[in-house]
Structure formats: structure tokens, C-alpha cells
Amino acid sequence: MPKISEQNNEEISSLQLNNEHATSMYTFLTVKEVSKVLKVSRDTIYRLLNDRKLAFYHIAGSKRIALEDMKNYITKCAVEAQHENEYGSTKD
């Protein structure tokens, strides 16, 4: 299974330690925090939320993403590398 990059892992750890939205059950992230970790625009995150590709919670009128849901989304997005065989073609 593909792993989260070292840089993203450091950002996630930082969010876990400094997150003002942390509770005993979940660590919640804002759209801005998720966009920073994934290095995409906030519009892209909102599109993922609206398309129900990234799970979220409505909390006091705001959308919040649980850290574990973001990690699960990253794992689902991973594309496995294809390896060439000795004849130069890729395996399926």
C-alpha cells in the first residue's frame, strides 16, 4: 500500500499537535488546512466535498474534515507504479 510522503506526514503531525479543533474522538481540519497538506486550492477541496469524494462533517455551519478521513482519501488516490518486464512491456 502506498505511503503518505514524508513532507505530508510532517505537516499532518504538526496539525495533530497544534490543531485547535482537536477533540478526544477526532482531529478536525479546516478546508484551508487540508488544501495546504494536499497542495491544492481550496476550491478543489470544496469540489471534493461537494462531490462526496472526501468525507466531511457540518459543525456549526462549517465544513470540517476528520484527519483520518483525509488520510483515507490520500490512500485511495494512490496509483501503483507499473513495472516493465524483461521485454520492455508493462505488467497489468
C-alpha atoms as a PDB file:
ATOM      1  CA  MET A   1       0.000   0.000   0.000  1.00  0.00           C
ATOM      2  CA  PRO A   2       1.452   3.421  -0.897  1.00  0.00           C
ATOM      3  CA  LYS A   3       2.578   5.588   1.985  1.00  0.00           C
ATOM      4  CA  ILE A   4       1.995   9.267   2.685  1.00  0.00           C
ATOM      5  CA  SER A   5       5.075  11.294   1.703  1.00  0.00           C
ATOM      6  CA  GLU A   6       7.489  12.305   4.449  1.00  0.00           C
ATOM      7  CA  GLN A   7       6.725  16.017   3.955  1.00  0.00           C
ATOM      8  CA  ASN A   8       2.956  15.453   4.134  1.00  0.00           C
ATOM      9  CA  ASN A   9       3.448  13.203   7.145  1.00  0.00           C
ATOM     10  CA  GLU A  10       5.323  16.043   8.930  1.00  0.00           C
ATOM     11  CA  GLU A  11       2.540  18.516   8.071  1.00  0.00           C
ATOM     12  CA  ILE A  12      -0.088  16.070   9.340  1.00  0.00           C
ATOM     13  CA  SER A  13       1.855  15.549  12.574  1.00  0.00           C
ATOM     14  CA  SER A  14       2.122  19.298  13.020  1.00  0.00           C
ATOM     15  CA  LEU A  15      -1.632  19.647  12.509  1.00  0.00           C
ATOM     16  CA  GLN A  16      -2.292  16.936  15.080  1.00  0.00           C
ATOM     17  CA  LEU A  17      -0.171  18.688  17.686  1.00  0.00           C
ATOM     18  CA  ASN A  18      -1.339  22.241  17.011  1.00  0.00           C
ATOM     19  CA  ASN A  19      -4.919  21.735  15.885  1.00  0.00           C
ATOM     20  CA  GLU A  20      -7.359  23.944  17.757  1.00  0.00           C
ATOM     21  CA  HIS A  21     -10.225  21.697  16.553  1.00  0.00           C
ATOM     22  CA  ALA A  22      -8.859  18.555  18.226  1.00  0.00           C
ATOM     23  CA  THR A  23     -11.173  16.510  20.403  1.00  0.00           C
ATOM     24  CA  SER A  24     -10.669  13.234  22.190  1.00  0.00           C
ATOM     25  CA  MET A  25     -12.501  11.394  19.385  1.00  0.00           C
ATOM     26  CA  TYR A  26     -11.349  13.209  16.238  1.00  0.00           C
ATOM     27  CA  THR A  27      -8.906  15.744  14.976  1.00  0.00           C
ATOM     28  CA  PHE A  28     -10.793  18.074  12.665  1.00  0.00           C
ATOM     29  CA  LEU A  29      -9.166  20.095   9.907  1.00  0.00           C
ATOM     30  CA  THR A  30     -10.426  23.142   8.077  1.00  0.00           C
ATOM     31  CA  VAL A  31     -10.681  23.284   4.294  1.00  0.00           C
ATOM     32  CA  LYS A  32      -7.679  25.617   4.309  1.00  0.00           C
ATOM     33  CA  GLU A  33      -5.587  23.148   6.358  1.00  0.00           C
ATOM     34  CA  VAL A  34      -6.480  20.234   4.066  1.00  0.00           C
ATOM     35  CA  SER A  35      -5.695  22.274   0.957  1.00  0.00           C
ATOM     36  CA  LYS A  36      -2.278  23.106   2.422  1.00  0.00           C
ATOM     37  CA  VAL A  37      -1.453  19.458   3.172  1.00  0.00           C
ATOM     38  CA  LEU A  38      -2.664  18.213  -0.228  1.00  0.00           C
ATOM     39  CA  LYS A  39      -1.138  21.221  -2.023  1.00  0.00           C
ATOM     40  CA  VAL A  40      -4.314  22.005  -3.962  1.00  0.00           C
ATOM     41  CA  SER A  41      -6.618  25.018  -3.965  1.00  0.00           C
ATOM     42  CA  ARG A  42      -9.457  25.475  -1.501  1.00  0.00           C
ATOM     43  CA  ASP A  43     -11.824  25.339  -4.492  1.00  0.00           C
ATOM     44  CA  THR A  44     -10.522  21.834  -5.241  1.00  0.00           C
ATOM     45  CA  ILE A  45     -11.224  20.740  -1.665  1.00  0.00           C
ATOM     46  CA  TYR A  46     -14.740  22.198  -1.801  1.00  0.00           C
ATOM     47  CA  ARG A  47     -15.309  20.338  -5.087  1.00  0.00           C
ATOM     48  CA  LEU A  48     -14.177  17.063  -3.469  1.00  0.00           C
ATOM     49  CA  LEU A  49     -16.537  17.689  -0.555  1.00  0.00           C
ATOM     50  CA  ASN A  50     -19.492  18.612  -2.770  1.00  0.00           C
ATOM     51  CA  ASP A  51     -18.860  15.549  -4.980  1.00  0.00           C
ATOM     52  CA  ARG A  52     -18.737  13.412  -1.798  1.00  0.00           C
ATOM     53  CA  LYS A  53     -15.247  12.153  -2.661  1.00  0.00           C
ATOM     54  CA  LEU A  54     -13.859  13.375   0.652  1.00  0.00           C
ATOM     55  CA  ALA A  55     -15.894  12.798   3.812  1.00  0.00           C
ATOM     56  CA  PHE A  56     -16.693  15.797   5.979  1.00  0.00           C
ATOM     57  CA  TYR A  57     -18.767  16.981   8.915  1.00  0.00           C
ATOM     58  CA  HIS A  58     -21.032  20.012   9.213  1.00  0.00           C
ATOM     59  CA  ILE A  59     -20.140  21.631  12.509  1.00  0.00           C
ATOM     60  CA  ALA A  60     -21.803  24.912  13.430  1.00  0.00           C
ATOM     61  CA  GLY A  61     -22.326  25.742   9.766  1.00  0.00           C
ATOM     62  CA  SER A  62     -18.732  24.993   8.768  1.00  0.00           C
ATOM     63  CA  LYS A  63     -17.305  22.041   6.895  1.00  0.00           C
ATOM     64  CA  ARG A  64     -14.638  20.118   8.800  1.00  0.00           C
ATOM     65  CA  ILE A  65     -12.634  17.105   7.646  1.00  0.00           C
ATOM     66  CA  ALA A  66     -11.509  14.461  10.122  1.00  0.00           C
ATOM     67  CA  LEU A  67      -7.771  13.779   9.901  1.00  0.00           C
ATOM     68  CA  GLU A  68      -8.408  10.061   9.408  1.00  0.00           C
ATOM     69  CA  ASP A  69     -10.795  10.775   6.516  1.00  0.00           C
ATOM     70  CA  MET A  70      -8.133  12.888   4.825  1.00  0.00           C
ATOM     71  CA  LYS A  71      -5.559  10.105   5.274  1.00  0.00           C
ATOM     72  CA  ASN A  72      -8.038   7.576   3.816  1.00  0.00           C
ATOM     73  CA  TYR A  73      -8.628   9.848   0.826  1.00  0.00           C
ATOM     74  CA  ILE A  74      -4.883  10.140   0.205  1.00  0.00           C
ATOM     75  CA  THR A  75      -4.553   6.347   0.283  1.00  0.00           C
ATOM     76  CA  LYS A  76      -7.451   5.923  -2.180  1.00  0.00           C
ATOM     77  CA  CYS A  77      -5.794   8.369  -4.594  1.00  0.00           C
ATOM     78  CA  ALA A  78      -2.567   6.396  -4.805  1.00  0.00           C
ATOM     79  CA  VAL A  79      -1.683   4.997  -8.211  1.00  0.00           C
ATOM     80  CA  GLU A  80       0.519   1.940  -8.229  1.00  0.00           C
ATOM     81  CA  ALA A  81       3.604   2.052 -10.446  1.00  0.00           C
ATOM     82  CA  GLN A  82       3.780  -0.309 -13.395  1.00  0.00           C
ATOM     83  CA  HIS A  83       6.961  -2.304 -13.754  1.00  0.00           C
ATOM     84  CA  GLU A  84       8.490  -3.236 -17.077  1.00  0.00           C
ATOM     85  CA  ASN A  85       9.286  -6.869 -17.710  1.00  0.00           C
ATOM     86  CA  GLU A  86      12.448  -8.047 -19.456  1.00  0.00           C
ATOM     87  CA  TYR A  87      10.852  -7.418 -22.887  1.00  0.00           C
ATOM     88  CA  GLY A  88      10.082  -3.757 -22.178  1.00  0.00           C
ATOM     89  CA  SER A  89       6.319  -4.092 -21.783  1.00  0.00           C
ATOM     90  CA  THR A  90       4.449  -3.341 -18.598  1.00  0.00           C
ATOM     91  CA  LYS A  91       2.674  -5.867 -16.443  1.00  0.00           C
ATOM     92  CA  ASP A  92      -1.069  -5.441 -15.894  1.00  0.00           C
END
